[in-house]
């Protein structure tokens, strides 16, 4: 007798969890959007000025990263390129670095910043609840440190990377990892690697109680209240609330910000984001704790707008704001 699996939890379009514990992440929303979540294969040759390689970091755990290498013109000083260590979004439950939406943005950023982007294939909830993604991000950082020391080898990084200028960047829930990993790295000796900056873009910072912006701002294709609630119920450690330090680093349960050793930060926000109020609370808390933090605001934009390729291609304002965001990130990297 075949027992039919039953759906016990669902995030519309993105995710279905079954009663046997299995998870289906096949896109089931509008078919015209599906291409953004399709994987782009790696290519060692330069396409639009960037080559892409997937690399196994750890044989035991299976941890992988995707490396974006920009095609550089020979420089007289033979200077090496900064590293951008990237953490994808998806509420800790969905998406991966090879998705088309990330490929388009991070090939563009690597080229514009003249930087090597290393994007981590993070373990996802509910199979791997937090802090699994944080641990994967930190393992990737330790791997970079081991290459800097000469204990590990990756040809593109050995030949081209400046390990004295490593930046953490993340989208949405990946931006939460920027803070968590910068805080963790502040207690470690990663030399000769140096963290030069953190760039959280539209971080998924929340509290247990709904904020005014959650109640009043428009829901968008990349963020609804249902997505916030369900993704976090599936990803936070069992028994924890949204006041957990990973989702509320400015809250009472988190280590005091003033006690953390953090590099300079560029916090990027969109002023129509559902999570605007808690993102701004984080910014004000960082300032109060005397941390070096800049703010980049995209007016009129919603959560993760720059990853929506359809809007970027069809709407001149979204395209212009995406260009402004990327340029702001480039300017921050060039300053540090």
C-alpha atoms as a PDB file:
ATOM      1  CA  UNK A   1       0.000   0.000   0.000  1.00  0.00           C
ATOM      2  CA  UNK A   2       1.365   3.392  -1.048  1.00  0.00           C
ATOM      3  CA  UNK A   3       0.835   6.085   1.556  1.00  0.00           C
ATOM      4  CA  UNK A   4       0.446   9.481  -0.072  1.00  0.00           C
ATOM      5  CA  UNK A   5       2.634  12.222   1.336  1.00  0.00           C
ATOM      6  CA  UNK A   6       0.773  15.149   2.830  1.00  0.00           C
ATOM      7  CA  UNK A   7       1.838  18.798   2.816  1.00  0.00           C
ATOM      8  CA  UNK A   8       2.183  19.981   6.419  1.00  0.00           C
ATOM      9  CA  UNK A   9       3.575  23.453   5.683  1.00  0.00           C
ATOM     10  CA  UNK A  10       3.817  25.630   2.606  1.00  0.00           C
ATOM     11  CA  UNK A  11       5.227  28.989   1.560  1.00  0.00           C
ATOM     12  CA  UNK A  12       3.235  29.910  -1.521  1.00  0.00           C
ATOM     13  CA  UNK A  13       5.194  29.284  -4.712  1.00  0.00           C
ATOM     14  CA  UNK A  14       8.482  28.637  -2.966  1.00  0.00           C
ATOM     15  CA  UNK A  15       8.391  25.691  -0.591  1.00  0.00           C
ATOM     16  CA  UNK A  16       6.377  22.662   0.475  1.00  0.00           C
ATOM     17  CA  UNK A  17       7.177  20.583   3.586  1.00  0.00           C
ATOM     18  CA  UNK A  18       5.715  17.048   3.777  1.00  0.00           C
ATOM     19  CA  UNK A  19       4.712  14.880   6.725  1.00  0.00           C
ATOM     20  CA  UNK A  20       7.700  12.570   6.150  1.00  0.00           C
ATOM     21  CA  UNK A  21      10.078  15.524   6.624  1.00  0.00           C
ATOM     22  CA  UNK A  22      10.938  15.881   2.940  1.00  0.00           C
ATOM     23  CA  UNK A  23      10.974  19.309   1.281  1.00  0.00           C
ATOM     24  CA  UNK A  24      10.075  20.344  -2.282  1.00  0.00           C
ATOM     25  CA  UNK A  25      11.559  23.654  -3.455  1.00  0.00           C
ATOM     26  CA  UNK A  26      10.296  23.419  -7.051  1.00  0.00           C
ATOM     27  CA  UNK A  27       8.896  26.817  -8.065  1.00  0.00           C
ATOM     28  CA  UNK A  28       5.107  26.504  -8.259  1.00  0.00           C
ATOM     29  CA  UNK A  29       4.192  30.158  -8.738  1.00  0.00           C
ATOM     30  CA  UNK A  30       3.650  32.034 -12.033  1.00  0.00           C
ATOM     31  CA  UNK A  31       5.688  30.261 -14.756  1.00  0.00           C
ATOM     32  CA  UNK A  32       6.909  33.554 -16.261  1.00  0.00           C
ATOM     33  CA  UNK A  33       8.910  34.178 -13.061  1.00  0.00           C
ATOM     34  CA  UNK A  34      10.500  30.700 -12.865  1.00  0.00           C
ATOM     35  CA  UNK A  35      13.611  31.656 -14.896  1.00  0.00           C
ATOM     36  CA  UNK A  36      14.900  33.793 -12.000  1.00  0.00           C
ATOM     37  CA  UNK A  37      15.189  30.685  -9.824  1.00  0.00           C
ATOM     38  CA  UNK A  38      16.829  28.538 -12.516  1.00  0.00           C
ATOM     39  CA  UNK A  39      20.492  27.524 -12.012  1.00  0.00           C
ATOM     40  CA  UNK A  40      23.165  29.053 -14.262  1.00  0.00           C
ATOM     41  CA  UNK A  41      26.029  26.599 -14.964  1.00  0.00           C
ATOM     42  CA  UNK A  42      29.601  27.714 -14.166  1.00  0.00           C
ATOM     43  CA  UNK A  43      31.860  28.800 -17.041  1.00  0.00           C
ATOM     44  CA  UNK A  44      35.649  29.064 -16.913  1.00  0.00           C
ATOM     45  CA  UNK A  45      35.647  31.366 -19.938  1.00  0.00           C
ATOM     46  CA  UNK A  46      34.828  35.057 -19.493  1.00  0.00           C
ATOM     47  CA  UNK A  47      31.229  35.939 -20.384  1.00  0.00           C
ATOM     48  CA  UNK A  48      30.398  39.657 -20.185  1.00  0.00           C
ATOM     49  CA  UNK A  49      33.727  40.110 -18.413  1.00  0.00           C
ATOM     50  CA  UNK A  50      33.257  37.504 -15.659  1.00  0.00           C
ATOM     51  CA  UNK A  51      34.237  33.819 -15.312  1.00  0.00           C
ATOM     52  CA  UNK A  52      32.402  31.550 -12.856  1.00  0.00           C
ATOM     53  CA  UNK A  53      33.584  28.443 -11.033  1.00  0.00           C
ATOM     54  CA  UNK A  54      32.019  26.167  -8.389  1.00  0.00           C
ATOM     55  CA  UNK A  55      34.536  24.900  -5.831  1.00  0.00           C
ATOM     56  CA  UNK A  56      34.294  22.217  -3.137  1.00  0.00           C
ATOM     57  CA  UNK A  57      35.571  23.762   0.090  1.00  0.00           C
ATOM     58  CA  UNK A  58      35.238  20.809   2.441  1.00  0.00           C
ATOM     59  CA  UNK A  59      35.127  17.146   1.356  1.00  0.00           C
ATOM     60  CA  UNK A  60      33.677  16.052   4.681  1.00  0.00           C
ATOM     61  CA  UNK A  61      30.750  18.484   4.880  1.00  0.00           C
ATOM     62  CA  UNK A  62      30.312  18.955   1.130  1.00  0.00           C
ATOM     63  CA  UNK A  63      30.398  22.762   1.521  1.00  0.00           C
ATOM     64  CA  UNK A  64      30.732  24.532  -1.834  1.00  0.00           C
ATOM     65  CA  UNK A  65      31.226  28.092  -3.014  1.00  0.00           C
ATOM     66  CA  UNK A  66      30.702  29.819  -6.348  1.00  0.00           C
ATOM     67  CA  UNK A  67      33.533  32.153  -7.420  1.00  0.00           C
ATOM     68  CA  UNK A  68      32.998  35.099  -9.782  1.00  0.00           C
ATOM     69  CA  UNK A  69      36.295  36.304 -11.264  1.00  0.00           C
ATOM     70  CA  UNK A  70      36.262  39.606 -13.206  1.00  0.00           C
ATOM     71  CA  UNK A  71      38.358  39.937 -16.333  1.00  0.00           C
ATOM     72  CA  UNK A  72      40.974  42.512 -15.417  1.00  0.00           C
ATOM     73  CA  UNK A  73      43.197  44.625 -17.558  1.00  0.00           C
ATOM     74  CA  UNK A  74      46.900  44.264 -16.745  1.00  0.00           C
ATOM     75  CA  UNK A  75      47.835  46.875 -14.143  1.00  0.00           C
ATOM     76  CA  UNK A  76      51.212  48.465 -13.796  1.00  0.00           C
ATOM     77  CA  UNK A  77      51.282  47.863 -10.043  1.00  0.00           C
ATOM     78  CA  UNK A  78      50.007  44.246 -10.394  1.00  0.00           C
ATOM     79  CA  UNK A  79      47.568  45.006  -7.567  1.00  0.00           C
ATOM     80  CA  UNK A  80      45.309  42.201  -6.434  1.00  0.00           C
ATOM     81  CA  UNK A  81      41.535  42.283  -6.125  1.00  0.00           C
ATOM     82  CA  UNK A  82      39.352  42.586  -3.007  1.00  0.00           C
ATOM     83  CA  UNK A  83      37.169  39.610  -2.063  1.00  0.00           C
ATOM     84  CA  UNK A  84      33.415  39.919  -1.551  1.00  0.00           C
ATOM     85  CA  UNK A  85      32.152  36.948   0.488  1.00  0.00           C
ATOM     86  CA  UNK A  86      28.453  36.648  -0.382  1.00  0.00           C
ATOM     87  CA  UNK A  87      25.537  35.045   1.482  1.00  0.00           C
ATOM     88  CA  UNK A  88      22.319  34.521  -0.475  1.00  0.00           C
ATOM     89  CA  UNK A  89      18.848  35.311   0.837  1.00  0.00           C
ATOM     90  CA  UNK A  90      15.721  33.194   0.949  1.00  0.00           C
ATOM     91  CA  UNK A  91      14.657  33.295   4.594  1.00  0.00           C
ATOM     92  CA  UNK A  92      17.294  30.634   5.417  1.00  0.00           C
ATOM     93  CA  UNK A  93      15.001  28.143   3.595  1.00  0.00           C
ATOM     94  CA  UNK A  94      15.271  28.635  -0.173  1.00  0.00           C
ATOM     95  CA  UNK A  95      17.538  29.808  -3.011  1.00  0.00           C
ATOM     96  CA  UNK A  96      21.186  29.137  -3.817  1.00  0.00           C
ATOM     97  CA  UNK A  97      24.145  31.007  -5.360  1.00  0.00           C
ATOM     98  CA  UNK A  98      23.693  29.616  -8.881  1.00  0.00           C
ATOM     99  CA  UNK A  99      20.169  31.024  -9.277  1.00  0.00           C
ATOM    100  CA  UNK A 100      19.844  33.395 -12.226  1.00  0.00           C
ATOM    101  CA  UNK A 101      18.741  36.290  -9.978  1.00  0.00           C
ATOM    102  CA  UNK A 102      22.062  36.161  -8.095  1.00  0.00           C
ATOM    103  CA  UNK A 103      24.114  35.431 -11.198  1.00  0.00           C
ATOM    104  CA  UNK A 104      22.936  38.633 -12.889  1.00  0.00           C
ATOM    105  CA  UNK A 105      23.562  40.849  -9.851  1.00  0.00           C
ATOM    106  CA  UNK A 106      26.850  39.379  -8.629  1.00  0.00           C
ATOM    107  CA  UNK A 107      28.516  39.099 -12.047  1.00  0.00           C
ATOM    108  CA  UNK A 108      27.615  42.775 -12.429  1.00  0.00           C
ATOM    109  CA  UNK A 109      28.977  43.666  -8.983  1.00  0.00           C
ATOM    110  CA  UNK A 110      32.213  41.690  -9.487  1.00  0.00           C
ATOM    111  CA  UNK A 111      32.791  43.524 -12.746  1.00  0.00           C
ATOM    112  CA  UNK A 112      31.812  46.988 -11.435  1.00  0.00           C
ATOM    113  CA  UNK A 113      33.853  46.669  -8.217  1.00  0.00           C
ATOM    114  CA  UNK A 114      36.766  44.863  -9.894  1.00  0.00           C
ATOM    115  CA  UNK A 115      36.465  42.351  -7.072  1.00  0.00           C
ATOM    116  CA  UNK A 116      36.281  38.570  -6.723  1.00  0.00           C
ATOM    117  CA  UNK A 117      32.913  37.443  -5.407  1.00  0.00           C
ATOM    118  CA  UNK A 118      32.798  34.183  -3.435  1.00  0.00           C
ATOM    119  CA  UNK A 119      29.199  33.054  -2.856  1.00  0.00           C
ATOM    120  CA  UNK A 120      28.482  30.307  -0.310  1.00  0.00           C
ATOM    121  CA  UNK A 121      26.097  27.392  -0.911  1.00  0.00           C
ATOM    122  CA  UNK A 122      24.459  27.593   2.506  1.00  0.00           C
ATOM    123  CA  UNK A 123      22.611  24.693   4.102  1.00  0.00           C
ATOM    124  CA  UNK A 124      18.923  25.464   4.271  1.00  0.00           C
ATOM    125  CA  UNK A 125      16.116  24.986   6.767  1.00  0.00           C
ATOM    126  CA  UNK A 126      13.994  23.168   7.737  1.00  0.00           C
ATOM    127  CA  UNK A 127      16.416  20.265   7.158  1.00  0.00           C
ATOM    128  CA  UNK A 128      19.224  22.390   8.626  1.00  0.00           C
ATOM    129  CA  UNK A 129      17.923  24.955  11.092  1.00  0.00           C
ATOM    130  CA  UNK A 130      19.985  27.891  12.292  1.00  0.00           C
ATOM    131  CA  UNK A 131      22.816  28.248  13.175  1.00  0.00           C
ATOM    132  CA  UNK A 132      23.722  25.888  10.257  1.00  0.00           C
ATOM    133  CA  UNK A 133      23.893  28.742   7.714  1.00  0.00           C
ATOM    134  CA  UNK A 134      26.043  30.821  10.085  1.00  0.00           C
ATOM    135  CA  UNK A 135      28.403  27.875  10.546  1.00  0.00           C
ATOM    136  CA  UNK A 136      28.670  27.418   6.756  1.00  0.00           C
ATOM    137  CA  UNK A 137      29.451  31.103   6.272  1.00  0.00           C
ATOM    138  CA  UNK A 138      32.121  30.941   8.944  1.00  0.00           C
ATOM    139  CA  UNK A 139      33.609  27.772   7.411  1.00  0.00           C
ATOM    140  CA  UNK A 140      33.914  29.653   4.107  1.00  0.00           C
ATOM    141  CA  UNK A 141      35.661  32.526   5.905  1.00  0.00           C
ATOM    142  CA  UNK A 142      38.078  30.086   7.586  1.00  0.00           C
ATOM    143  CA  UNK A 143      38.742  28.515   4.172  1.00  0.00           C
ATOM    144  CA  UNK A 144      39.687  31.928   2.765  1.00  0.00           C
ATOM    145  CA  UNK A 145      41.948  32.446   5.773  1.00  0.00           C
ATOM    146  CA  UNK A 146      43.619  29.081   5.164  1.00  0.00           C
ATOM    147  CA  UNK A 147      44.294  30.040   1.521  1.00  0.00           C
ATOM    148  CA  UNK A 148      45.768  33.349   2.720  1.00  0.00           C
ATOM    149  CA  UNK A 149      48.071  31.382   5.034  1.00  0.00           C
ATOM    150  CA  UNK A 150      49.067  28.962   2.253  1.00  0.00           C
ATOM    151  CA  UNK A 151      47.425  25.975   3.973  1.00  0.00           C
ATOM    152  CA  UNK A 152      44.769  25.563   1.231  1.00  0.00           C
ATOM    153  CA  UNK A 153      44.896  26.267  -2.484  1.00  0.00           C
ATOM    154  CA  UNK A 154      42.460  27.723  -5.003  1.00  0.00           C
ATOM    155  CA  UNK A 155      44.214  29.040  -8.147  1.00  0.00           C
ATOM    156  CA  UNK A 156      41.919  31.981  -8.911  1.00  0.00           C
ATOM    157  CA  UNK A 157      42.166  33.262  -5.327  1.00  0.00           C
ATOM    158  CA  UNK A 158      45.899  32.597  -4.942  1.00  0.00           C
ATOM    159  CA  UNK A 159      46.658  34.401  -8.198  1.00  0.00           C
ATOM    160  CA  UNK A 160      44.260  37.332  -7.951  1.00  0.00           C
ATOM    161  CA  UNK A 161      42.910  37.932  -4.409  1.00  0.00           C
ATOM    162  CA  UNK A 162      43.899  40.546  -1.846  1.00  0.00           C
ATOM    163  CA  UNK A 163      43.169  38.813   1.472  1.00  0.00           C
ATOM    164  CA  UNK A 164      43.736  42.074   3.310  1.00  0.00           C
ATOM    165  CA  UNK A 165      40.472  43.405   1.849  1.00  0.00           C
ATOM    166  CA  UNK A 166      37.674  40.912   2.481  1.00  0.00           C
ATOM    167  CA  UNK A 167      34.107  42.239   2.559  1.00  0.00           C
ATOM    168  CA  UNK A 168      31.003  40.394   3.750  1.00  0.00           C
ATOM    169  CA  UNK A 169      27.815  41.002   1.754  1.00  0.00           C
ATOM    170  CA  UNK A 170      24.369  39.430   1.978  1.00  0.00           C
ATOM    171  CA  UNK A 171      20.842  39.800   0.651  1.00  0.00           C
ATOM    172  CA  UNK A 172      17.858  39.700   3.035  1.00  0.00           C
ATOM    173  CA  UNK A 173      18.453  36.737   5.414  1.00  0.00           C
ATOM    174  CA  UNK A 174      22.004  36.618   4.020  1.00  0.00           C
ATOM    175  CA  UNK A 175      22.449  40.130   5.395  1.00  0.00           C
ATOM    176  CA  UNK A 176      21.697  38.741   8.872  1.00  0.00           C
ATOM    177  CA  UNK A 177      24.733  36.501   8.362  1.00  0.00           C
ATOM    178  CA  UNK A 178      26.888  39.546   7.592  1.00  0.00           C
ATOM    179  CA  UNK A 179      26.313  40.825  11.119  1.00  0.00           C
ATOM    180  CA  UNK A 180      26.527  37.399  12.800  1.00  0.00           C
ATOM    181  CA  UNK A 181      29.772  36.474  11.009  1.00  0.00           C
ATOM    182  CA  UNK A 182      31.426  39.855  11.453  1.00  0.00           C
ATOM    183  CA  UNK A 183      30.708  39.551  15.191  1.00  0.00           C
ATOM    184  CA  UNK A 184      32.099  36.001  15.285  1.00  0.00           C
ATOM    185  CA  UNK A 185      35.174  36.937  13.248  1.00  0.00           C
ATOM    186  CA  UNK A 186      35.849  39.824  15.646  1.00  0.00           C
ATOM    187  CA  UNK A 187      36.733  37.256  18.311  1.00  0.00           C
ATOM    188  CA  UNK A 188      39.039  35.200  16.039  1.00  0.00           C
ATOM    189  CA  UNK A 189      42.531  35.544  14.615  1.00  0.00           C
ATOM    190  CA  UNK A 190      42.094  35.180  10.857  1.00  0.00           C
ATOM    191  CA  UNK A 191      45.423  36.758   9.921  1.00  0.00           C
ATOM    192  CA  UNK A 192      46.700  37.387   7.303  1.00  0.00           C
ATOM    193  CA  UNK A 193      43.053  37.718   6.212  1.00  0.00           C
ATOM    194  CA  UNK A 194      41.459  41.014   7.274  1.00  0.00           C
ATOM    195  CA  UNK A 195      37.775  41.859   7.301  1.00  0.00           C
ATOM    196  CA  UNK A 196      37.571  45.274   5.667  1.00  0.00           C
ATOM    197  CA  UNK A 197      33.816  45.801   5.757  1.00  0.00           C
ATOM    198  CA  UNK A 198      30.283  44.430   6.021  1.00  0.00           C
ATOM    199  CA  UNK A 199      27.453  45.194   3.588  1.00  0.00           C
ATOM    200  CA  UNK A 200      24.029  43.983   4.790  1.00  0.00           C
ATOM    201  CA  UNK A 201      21.436  44.589   2.038  1.00  0.00           C
ATOM    202  CA  UNK A 202      17.809  44.644   3.259  1.00  0.00           C
ATOM    203  CA  UNK A 203      18.532  42.461   6.326  1.00  0.00           C
ATOM    204  CA  UNK A 204      15.793  40.245   7.730  1.00  0.00           C
ATOM    205  CA  UNK A 205      15.865  41.915  11.147  1.00  0.00           C
ATOM    206  CA  UNK A 206      12.575  41.494  13.007  1.00  0.00           C
ATOM    207  CA  UNK A 207      11.048  41.357  16.460  1.00  0.00           C
ATOM    208  CA  UNK A 208       8.321  39.092  17.856  1.00  0.00           C
ATOM    209  CA  UNK A 209       5.878  41.990  17.718  1.00  0.00           C
ATOM    210  CA  UNK A 210       4.934  43.354  14.316  1.00  0.00           C
ATOM    211  CA  UNK A 211       6.507  46.713  13.502  1.00  0.00           C
ATOM    212  CA  UNK A 212       4.579  49.648  12.020  1.00  0.00           C
ATOM    213  CA  UNK A 213       6.266  49.123   8.638  1.00  0.00           C
ATOM    214  CA  UNK A 214       5.313  45.422   8.609  1.00  0.00           C
ATOM    215  CA  UNK A 215       1.682  46.446   9.103  1.00  0.00           C
ATOM    216  CA  UNK A 216       1.659  49.424   6.729  1.00  0.00           C
ATOM    217  CA  UNK A 217       4.202  48.913   3.929  1.00  0.00           C
ATOM    218  CA  UNK A 218       3.204  47.087   0.732  1.00  0.00           C
ATOM    219  CA  UNK A 219       3.930  43.376   0.487  1.00  0.00           C
ATOM    220  CA  UNK A 220       6.117  42.566  -2.533  1.00  0.00           C
ATOM    221  CA  UNK A 221       6.923  39.529  -4.705  1.00  0.00           C
ATOM    222  CA  UNK A 222      10.073  38.891  -2.663  1.00  0.00           C
ATOM    223  CA  UNK A 223       8.622  39.526   0.796  1.00  0.00           C
ATOM    224  CA  UNK A 224       5.195  38.981   2.330  1.00  0.00           C
ATOM    225  CA  UNK A 225       4.270  38.697   6.002  1.00  0.00           C
ATOM    226  CA  UNK A 226       3.445  35.036   5.401  1.00  0.00           C
ATOM    227  CA  UNK A 227       6.984  34.475   4.052  1.00  0.00           C
ATOM    228  CA  UNK A 228       8.529  36.239   7.062  1.00  0.00           C
ATOM    229  CA  UNK A 229       6.518  34.193   9.560  1.00  0.00           C
ATOM    230  CA  UNK A 230       6.763  30.795   7.886  1.00  0.00           C
ATOM    231  CA  UNK A 231      10.412  30.943   6.835  1.00  0.00           C
ATOM    232  CA  UNK A 232      11.446  31.949  10.354  1.00  0.00           C
ATOM    233  CA  UNK A 233       9.240  29.328  12.016  1.00  0.00           C
ATOM    234  CA  UNK A 234      11.000  26.732   9.834  1.00  0.00           C
ATOM    235  CA  UNK A 235      14.535  28.088  10.279  1.00  0.00           C
ATOM    236  CA  UNK A 236      14.962  29.392  13.829  1.00  0.00           C
ATOM    237  CA  UNK A 237      16.091  26.874  16.468  1.00  0.00           C
ATOM    238  CA  UNK A 238      13.096  24.954  17.824  1.00  0.00           C
ATOM    239  CA  UNK A 239      11.455  26.909  20.648  1.00  0.00           C
ATOM    240  CA  UNK A 240      13.041  30.251  19.682  1.00  0.00           C
ATOM    241  CA  UNK A 241      11.168  33.427  18.734  1.00  0.00           C
ATOM    242  CA  UNK A 242      12.012  36.177  16.260  1.00  0.00           C
ATOM    243  CA  UNK A 243      13.874  37.899  19.122  1.00  0.00           C
ATOM    244  CA  UNK A 244      16.728  35.428  18.543  1.00  0.00           C
ATOM    245  CA  UNK A 245      20.147  37.172  18.114  1.00  0.00           C
ATOM    246  CA  UNK A 246      20.406  36.137  14.432  1.00  0.00           C
ATOM    247  CA  UNK A 247      17.096  37.820  13.562  1.00  0.00           C
ATOM    248  CA  UNK A 248      17.232  40.597  16.180  1.00  0.00           C
ATOM    249  CA  UNK A 249      20.898  41.529  16.795  1.00  0.00           C
ATOM    250  CA  UNK A 250      19.827  44.792  18.437  1.00  0.00           C
ATOM    251  CA  UNK A 251      17.570  43.008  20.935  1.00  0.00           C
ATOM    252  CA  UNK A 252      18.041  42.066  24.581  1.00  0.00           C
ATOM    253  CA  UNK A 253      18.849  38.419  23.762  1.00  0.00           C
ATOM    254  CA  UNK A 254      21.808  39.420  21.536  1.00  0.00           C
ATOM    255  CA  UNK A 255      25.324  40.321  22.701  1.00  0.00           C
ATOM    256  CA  UNK A 256      25.516  44.111  23.332  1.00  0.00           C
ATOM    257  CA  UNK A 257      26.581  45.839  20.100  1.00  0.00           C
ATOM    258  CA  UNK A 258      29.107  48.010  21.961  1.00  0.00           C
ATOM    259  CA  UNK A 259      30.982  44.849  23.000  1.00  0.00           C
ATOM    260  CA  UNK A 260      31.443  43.634  19.409  1.00  0.00           C
ATOM    261  CA  UNK A 261      34.542  44.200  17.319  1.00  0.00           C
ATOM    262  CA  UNK A 262      33.085  45.027  13.902  1.00  0.00           C
ATOM    263  CA  UNK A 263      34.561  46.383  10.662  1.00  0.00           C
ATOM    264  CA  UNK A 264      32.949  49.426   8.965  1.00  0.00           C
ATOM    265  CA  UNK A 265      29.412  48.678   7.731  1.00  0.00           C
ATOM    266  CA  UNK A 266      27.301  49.918   4.820  1.00  0.00           C
ATOM    267  CA  UNK A 267      23.637  49.188   5.634  1.00  0.00           C
ATOM    268  CA  UNK A 268      21.505  49.215   2.468  1.00  0.00           C
ATOM    269  CA  UNK A 269      17.754  49.664   2.832  1.00  0.00           C
ATOM    270  CA  UNK A 270      14.712  50.280   0.635  1.00  0.00           C
ATOM    271  CA  UNK A 271      12.222  52.757   2.044  1.00  0.00           C
ATOM    272  CA  UNK A 272       9.173  50.669   1.074  1.00  0.00           C
ATOM    273  CA  UNK A 273      10.552  47.509   2.711  1.00  0.00           C
ATOM    274  CA  UNK A 274       8.226  45.696   5.121  1.00  0.00           C
ATOM    275  CA  UNK A 275      11.190  45.434   7.500  1.00  0.00           C
ATOM    276  CA  UNK A 276      12.190  49.123   7.302  1.00  0.00           C
ATOM    277  CA  UNK A 277      11.449  49.935  10.953  1.00  0.00           C
ATOM    278  CA  UNK A 278      13.562  47.130  12.423  1.00  0.00           C
ATOM    279  CA  UNK A 279      16.352  47.786   9.911  1.00  0.00           C
ATOM    280  CA  UNK A 280      16.403  51.428  11.024  1.00  0.00           C
ATOM    281  CA  UNK A 281      16.302  50.350  14.673  1.00  0.00           C
ATOM    282  CA  UNK A 282      19.450  48.301  13.961  1.00  0.00           C
ATOM    283  CA  UNK A 283      21.101  51.315  12.293  1.00  0.00           C
ATOM    284  CA  UNK A 284      20.312  53.593  15.247  1.00  0.00           C
ATOM    285  CA  UNK A 285      21.534  50.928  17.704  1.00  0.00           C
ATOM    286  CA  UNK A 286      24.807  50.576  15.777  1.00  0.00           C
ATOM    287  CA  UNK A 287      25.297  54.366  15.828  1.00  0.00           C
ATOM    288  CA  UNK A 288      24.519  54.497  19.559  1.00  0.00           C
ATOM    289  CA  UNK A 289      27.106  51.732  20.123  1.00  0.00           C
ATOM    290  CA  UNK A 290      29.671  53.965  18.320  1.00  0.00           C
ATOM    291  CA  UNK A 291      30.040  51.568  15.385  1.00  0.00           C
ATOM    292  CA  UNK A 292      31.157  52.860  11.984  1.00  0.00           C
ATOM    293  CA  UNK A 293      28.028  52.460   9.856  1.00  0.00           C
ATOM    294  CA  UNK A 294      26.870  54.239   6.701  1.00  0.00           C
ATOM    295  CA  UNK A 295      23.328  54.163   5.345  1.00  0.00           C
ATOM    296  CA  UNK A 296      22.331  53.776   1.693  1.00  0.00           C
ATOM    297  CA  UNK A 297      18.607  54.282   1.039  1.00  0.00           C
ATOM    298  CA  UNK A 298      16.799  53.444  -2.214  1.00  0.00           C
ATOM    299  CA  UNK A 299      13.605  55.558  -2.221  1.00  0.00           C
ATOM    300  CA  UNK A 300      10.357  54.042  -3.474  1.00  0.00           C
ATOM    301  CA  UNK A 301      11.803  50.521  -3.598  1.00  0.00           C
ATOM    302  CA  UNK A 302      10.658  47.303  -1.896  1.00  0.00           C
ATOM    303  CA  UNK A 303      12.564  44.380  -0.372  1.00  0.00           C
ATOM    304  CA  UNK A 304      15.261  42.888  -2.658  1.00  0.00           C
ATOM    305  CA  UNK A 305      13.996  44.937  -5.631  1.00  0.00           C
ATOM    306  CA  UNK A 306      17.371  44.655  -7.410  1.00  0.00           C
ATOM    307  CA  UNK A 307      17.051  40.842  -7.639  1.00  0.00           C
ATOM    308  CA  UNK A 308      13.783  41.134  -9.584  1.00  0.00           C
ATOM    309  CA  UNK A 309      15.174  40.904 -13.134  1.00  0.00           C
ATOM    310  CA  UNK A 310      11.767  41.528 -14.700  1.00  0.00           C
ATOM    311  CA  UNK A 311      11.356  44.840 -12.839  1.00  0.00           C
ATOM    312  CA  UNK A 312      14.993  45.833 -13.495  1.00  0.00           C
ATOM    313  CA  UNK A 313      14.489  45.231 -17.246  1.00  0.00           C
ATOM    314  CA  UNK A 314      10.991  46.710 -17.556  1.00  0.00           C
ATOM    315  CA  UNK A 315      10.936  49.643 -15.129  1.00  0.00           C
ATOM    316  CA  UNK A 316      13.433  52.489 -15.674  1.00  0.00           C
ATOM    317  CA  UNK A 317      13.210  53.597 -12.029  1.00  0.00           C
ATOM    318  CA  UNK A 318      13.984  50.104 -10.672  1.00  0.00           C
ATOM    319  CA  UNK A 319      16.884  49.907 -13.134  1.00  0.00           C
ATOM    320  CA  UNK A 320      18.207  53.316 -12.012  1.00  0.00           C
ATOM    321  CA  UNK A 321      17.887  52.445  -8.303  1.00  0.00           C
ATOM    322  CA  UNK A 322      19.660  49.116  -8.908  1.00  0.00           C
ATOM    323  CA  UNK A 323      22.516  50.999 -10.567  1.00  0.00           C
ATOM    324  CA  UNK A 324      22.613  53.403  -7.609  1.00  0.00           C
ATOM    325  CA  UNK A 325      22.745  50.523  -5.131  1.00  0.00           C
ATOM    326  CA  UNK A 326      25.577  48.769  -6.984  1.00  0.00           C
ATOM    327  CA  UNK A 327      27.529  52.021  -7.304  1.00  0.00           C
ATOM    328  CA  UNK A 328      27.083  52.692  -3.582  1.00  0.00           C
ATOM    329  CA  UNK A 329      28.507  49.260  -2.769  1.00  0.00           C
ATOM    330  CA  UNK A 330      31.415  49.846  -5.182  1.00  0.00           C
ATOM    331  CA  UNK A 331      32.165  53.236  -3.599  1.00  0.00           C
ATOM    332  CA  UNK A 332      32.188  51.665  -0.107  1.00  0.00           C
ATOM    333  CA  UNK A 333      34.582  48.910  -1.220  1.00  0.00           C
ATOM    334  CA  UNK A 334      36.880  51.454  -2.890  1.00  0.00           C
ATOM    335  CA  UNK A 335      37.018  53.495   0.352  1.00  0.00           C
ATOM    336  CA  UNK A 336      38.092  50.532   2.445  1.00  0.00           C
END
